[in-house]
Amino acid sequence: MKIRMTFSAMTMPATLYDNPSARDFASLLPLDLSIDDYANNEKIAYLPRKLTEDGSGAFSNEQPGDLCYFAPWGNLALFYAGYRYSSGLIRLGRFDDGFKPLLVRGEFPLRIELIQ
């Protein structure tokens, strides 16, 4: 599945993985949320409800551009710098065209919608 995230007049297409958590996330779309900086390596946005954790499990090859869900807090984590897997982090997909828009600092309205 393809999605589009729009904030601060920038658009980021992403491809969701085929796992139960990503499908549960897609079932919520479209969404209007707020996105903000966190920990100098990601932006976060809180979802209206928690997602299934059936897509969870340890993973490696973490890299900027990953779109994840952090189950303990119920938020999306959009990584723009290096990070390490931690318990409760579920990878939902990857941004198709890089992560440069995530480097813009600040809090913004965020629109997420399915495009395919």
C-alpha atoms as a PDB file:
ATOM      1  CA  MET A   1       0.000   0.000   0.000  1.00  0.00           C
ATOM      2  CA  LYS A   2       1.099   3.528  -0.763  1.00  0.00           C
ATOM      3  CA  ILE A   3       0.378   6.479   1.501  1.00  0.00           C
ATOM      4  CA  ARG A   4       1.060  10.200   1.384  1.00  0.00           C
ATOM      5  CA  MET A   5       2.031  12.345   4.371  1.00  0.00           C
ATOM      6  CA  THR A   6       1.683  16.092   3.986  1.00  0.00           C
ATOM      7  CA  PHE A   7       2.916  18.762   6.406  1.00  0.00           C
ATOM      8  CA  SER A   8       4.436  22.249   6.109  1.00  0.00           C
ATOM      9  CA  ALA A   9       3.534  22.338   2.375  1.00  0.00           C
ATOM     10  CA  MET A  10       5.694  19.221   1.769  1.00  0.00           C
ATOM     11  CA  THR A  11       4.580  15.780   0.660  1.00  0.00           C
ATOM     12  CA  MET A  12       6.235  12.470   1.491  1.00  0.00           C
ATOM     13  CA  PRO A  13       5.044   9.278  -0.223  1.00  0.00           C
ATOM     14  CA  ALA A  14       5.707   6.012   1.607  1.00  0.00           C
ATOM     15  CA  THR A  15       5.149   2.320   1.023  1.00  0.00           C
ATOM     16  CA  LEU A  16       3.658   0.309   3.867  1.00  0.00           C
ATOM     17  CA  TYR A  17       4.887  -3.209   4.557  1.00  0.00           C
ATOM     18  CA  ASP A  18       2.531  -6.170   4.441  1.00  0.00           C
ATOM     19  CA  ASN A  19       2.141  -6.861   8.151  1.00  0.00           C
ATOM     20  CA  PRO A  20      -0.871  -6.742  10.521  1.00  0.00           C
ATOM     21  CA  SER A  21       0.230  -3.504  12.205  1.00  0.00           C
ATOM     22  CA  ALA A  22       0.684  -1.685   8.879  1.00  0.00           C
ATOM     23  CA  ARG A  23      -2.723  -2.898   7.663  1.00  0.00           C
ATOM     24  CA  ASP A  24      -4.315  -1.730  10.928  1.00  0.00           C
ATOM     25  CA  PHE A  25      -2.652   1.685  10.453  1.00  0.00           C
ATOM     26  CA  ALA A  26      -3.980   1.884   6.869  1.00  0.00           C
ATOM     27  CA  SER A  27      -7.505   1.157   8.139  1.00  0.00           C
ATOM     28  CA  LEU A  28      -7.396   4.462  10.078  1.00  0.00           C
ATOM     29  CA  LEU A  29      -6.679   6.586   7.006  1.00  0.00           C
ATOM     30  CA  PRO A  30      -7.255   9.352   6.176  1.00  0.00           C
ATOM     31  CA  LEU A  31      -5.980  11.021   9.353  1.00  0.00           C
ATOM     32  CA  ASP A  32      -5.347  14.593  10.426  1.00  0.00           C
ATOM     33  CA  LEU A  33      -2.778  14.694  13.232  1.00  0.00           C
ATOM     34  CA  SER A  34      -0.006  16.882  14.590  1.00  0.00           C
ATOM     35  CA  ILE A  35       3.674  16.102  13.951  1.00  0.00           C
ATOM     36  CA  ASP A  36       6.512  17.304  16.189  1.00  0.00           C
ATOM     37  CA  ASP A  37      10.235  16.789  16.803  1.00  0.00           C
ATOM     38  CA  TYR A  38      11.472  14.180  19.248  1.00  0.00           C
ATOM     39  CA  ALA A  39      14.952  13.044  20.350  1.00  0.00           C
ATOM     40  CA  ASN A  40      16.889  14.730  17.518  1.00  0.00           C
ATOM     41  CA  ASN A  41      16.359  11.760  15.198  1.00  0.00           C
ATOM     42  CA  GLU A  42      12.619  11.486  14.586  1.00  0.00           C
ATOM     43  CA  LYS A  43       9.301  13.217  14.305  1.00  0.00           C
ATOM     44  CA  ILE A  44       6.332  11.730  16.127  1.00  0.00           C
ATOM     45  CA  ALA A  45       2.563  11.859  15.753  1.00  0.00           C
ATOM     46  CA  TYR A  46       0.029  10.323  18.148  1.00  0.00           C
ATOM     47  CA  LEU A  47      -2.644   8.097  16.623  1.00  0.00           C
ATOM     48  CA  PRO A  48      -6.289   8.204  17.728  1.00  0.00           C
ATOM     49  CA  ARG A  49      -6.040   4.619  18.990  1.00  0.00           C
ATOM     50  CA  LYS A  50      -3.415   1.944  19.521  1.00  0.00           C
ATOM     51  CA  LEU A  51      -2.581  -0.410  16.658  1.00  0.00           C
ATOM     52  CA  THR A  52      -2.399  -4.174  16.786  1.00  0.00           C
ATOM     53  CA  GLU A  53       1.044  -5.386  17.790  1.00  0.00           C
ATOM     54  CA  ASP A  54       0.813  -8.487  15.590  1.00  0.00           C
ATOM     55  CA  GLY A  55       3.446  -7.012  13.251  1.00  0.00           C
ATOM     56  CA  SER A  56       6.010  -6.762  16.035  1.00  0.00           C
ATOM     57  CA  GLY A  57       9.328  -8.510  16.313  1.00  0.00           C
ATOM     58  CA  ALA A  58      12.971  -7.610  16.433  1.00  0.00           C
ATOM     59  CA  PHE A  59      14.472  -6.200  13.244  1.00  0.00           C
ATOM     60  CA  SER A  60      17.847  -4.961  12.129  1.00  0.00           C
ATOM     61  CA  ASN A  61      19.106  -2.718   9.310  1.00  0.00           C
ATOM     62  CA  GLU A  62      17.525   0.358  10.903  1.00  0.00           C
ATOM     63  CA  GLN A  63      17.962   3.440   8.741  1.00  0.00           C
ATOM     64  CA  PRO A  64      16.688   6.977   8.297  1.00  0.00           C
ATOM     65  CA  GLY A  65      13.485   6.958   6.271  1.00  0.00           C
ATOM     66  CA  ASP A  66      11.858   4.171   8.291  1.00  0.00           C
ATOM     67  CA  LEU A  67       8.230   4.667   9.319  1.00  0.00           C
ATOM     68  CA  CYS A  68       7.541   2.909  12.622  1.00  0.00           C
ATOM     69  CA  TYR A  69       4.931   2.593  15.337  1.00  0.00           C
ATOM     70  CA  PHE A  70       5.940   2.760  19.012  1.00  0.00           C
ATOM     71  CA  ALA A  71       3.359   0.590  20.754  1.00  0.00           C
ATOM     72  CA  PRO A  72       3.953   1.670  24.380  1.00  0.00           C
ATOM     73  CA  TRP A  73       3.041   5.293  23.581  1.00  0.00           C
ATOM     74  CA  GLY A  74       0.728   4.698  20.592  1.00  0.00           C
ATOM     75  CA  ASN A  75       2.619   7.025  18.256  1.00  0.00           C
ATOM     76  CA  LEU A  76       4.125   7.001  14.807  1.00  0.00           C
ATOM     77  CA  ALA A  77       7.902   7.450  14.667  1.00  0.00           C
ATOM     78  CA  LEU A  78       9.265   8.941  11.434  1.00  0.00           C
ATOM     79  CA  PHE A  79      13.049   8.558  11.547  1.00  0.00           C
ATOM     80  CA  TYR A  80      15.356  11.057   9.848  1.00  0.00           C
ATOM     81  CA  ALA A  81      18.598  10.044  11.598  1.00  0.00           C
ATOM     82  CA  GLY A  82      20.126   6.852  12.952  1.00  0.00           C
ATOM     83  CA  TYR A  83      18.264   4.838  15.569  1.00  0.00           C
ATOM     84  CA  ARG A  84      18.286   1.379  17.116  1.00  0.00           C
ATOM     85  CA  TYR A  85      15.500  -1.146  17.459  1.00  0.00           C
ATOM     86  CA  SER A  86      13.887  -1.190  20.879  1.00  0.00           C
ATOM     87  CA  SER A  87      11.141  -3.356  22.312  1.00  0.00           C
ATOM     88  CA  GLY A  88       7.725  -2.067  21.260  1.00  0.00           C
ATOM     89  CA  LEU A  89       8.961  -0.527  18.000  1.00  0.00           C
ATOM     90  CA  ILE A  90       7.170  -1.941  14.941  1.00  0.00           C
ATOM     91  CA  ARG A  91       8.293  -1.062  11.424  1.00  0.00           C
ATOM     92  CA  LEU A  92       5.325  -0.085   9.248  1.00  0.00           C
ATOM     93  CA  GLY A  93       7.094   0.968   6.050  1.00  0.00           C
ATOM     94  CA  ARG A  94       9.603   3.292   4.362  1.00  0.00           C
ATOM     95  CA  PHE A  95       9.491   6.685   2.741  1.00  0.00           C
ATOM     96  CA  ASP A  96       9.836   6.359  -1.029  1.00  0.00           C
ATOM     97  CA  ASP A  97      11.746   9.555  -1.824  1.00  0.00           C
ATOM     98  CA  GLY A  98      13.935  10.001   1.222  1.00  0.00           C
ATOM     99  CA  PHE A  99      13.298  11.868   4.446  1.00  0.00           C
ATOM    100  CA  LYS A 100      14.477  15.436   3.755  1.00  0.00           C
ATOM    101  CA  PRO A 101      11.119  17.062   4.720  1.00  0.00           C
ATOM    102  CA  LEU A 102      11.499  15.552   8.205  1.00  0.00           C
ATOM    103  CA  LEU A 103      14.547  17.760   8.780  1.00  0.00           C
ATOM    104  CA  VAL A 104      12.327  20.861   9.034  1.00  0.00           C
ATOM    105  CA  ARG A 105      12.115  21.604  12.752  1.00  0.00           C
ATOM    106  CA  GLY A 106       8.843  22.397  14.482  1.00  0.00           C
ATOM    107  CA  GLU A 107       5.303  21.253  15.074  1.00  0.00           C
ATOM    108  CA  PHE A 108       2.927  21.077  12.097  1.00  0.00           C
ATOM    109  CA  PRO A 109      -0.508  19.773  11.135  1.00  0.00           C
ATOM    110  CA  LEU A 110      -0.078  16.398   9.412  1.00  0.00           C
ATOM    111  CA  ARG A 111      -2.392  14.790   6.843  1.00  0.00           C
ATOM    112  CA  ILE A 112      -1.972  11.081   6.081  1.00  0.00           C
ATOM    113  CA  GLU A 113      -3.947   9.407   3.301  1.00  0.00           C
ATOM    114  CA  LEU A 114      -3.945   6.303   1.136  1.00  0.00           C
ATOM    115  CA  ILE A 115      -2.923   6.829  -2.475  1.00  0.00           C
ATOM    116  CA  GLN A 116      -3.049   3.168  -3.643  1.00  0.00           C
END
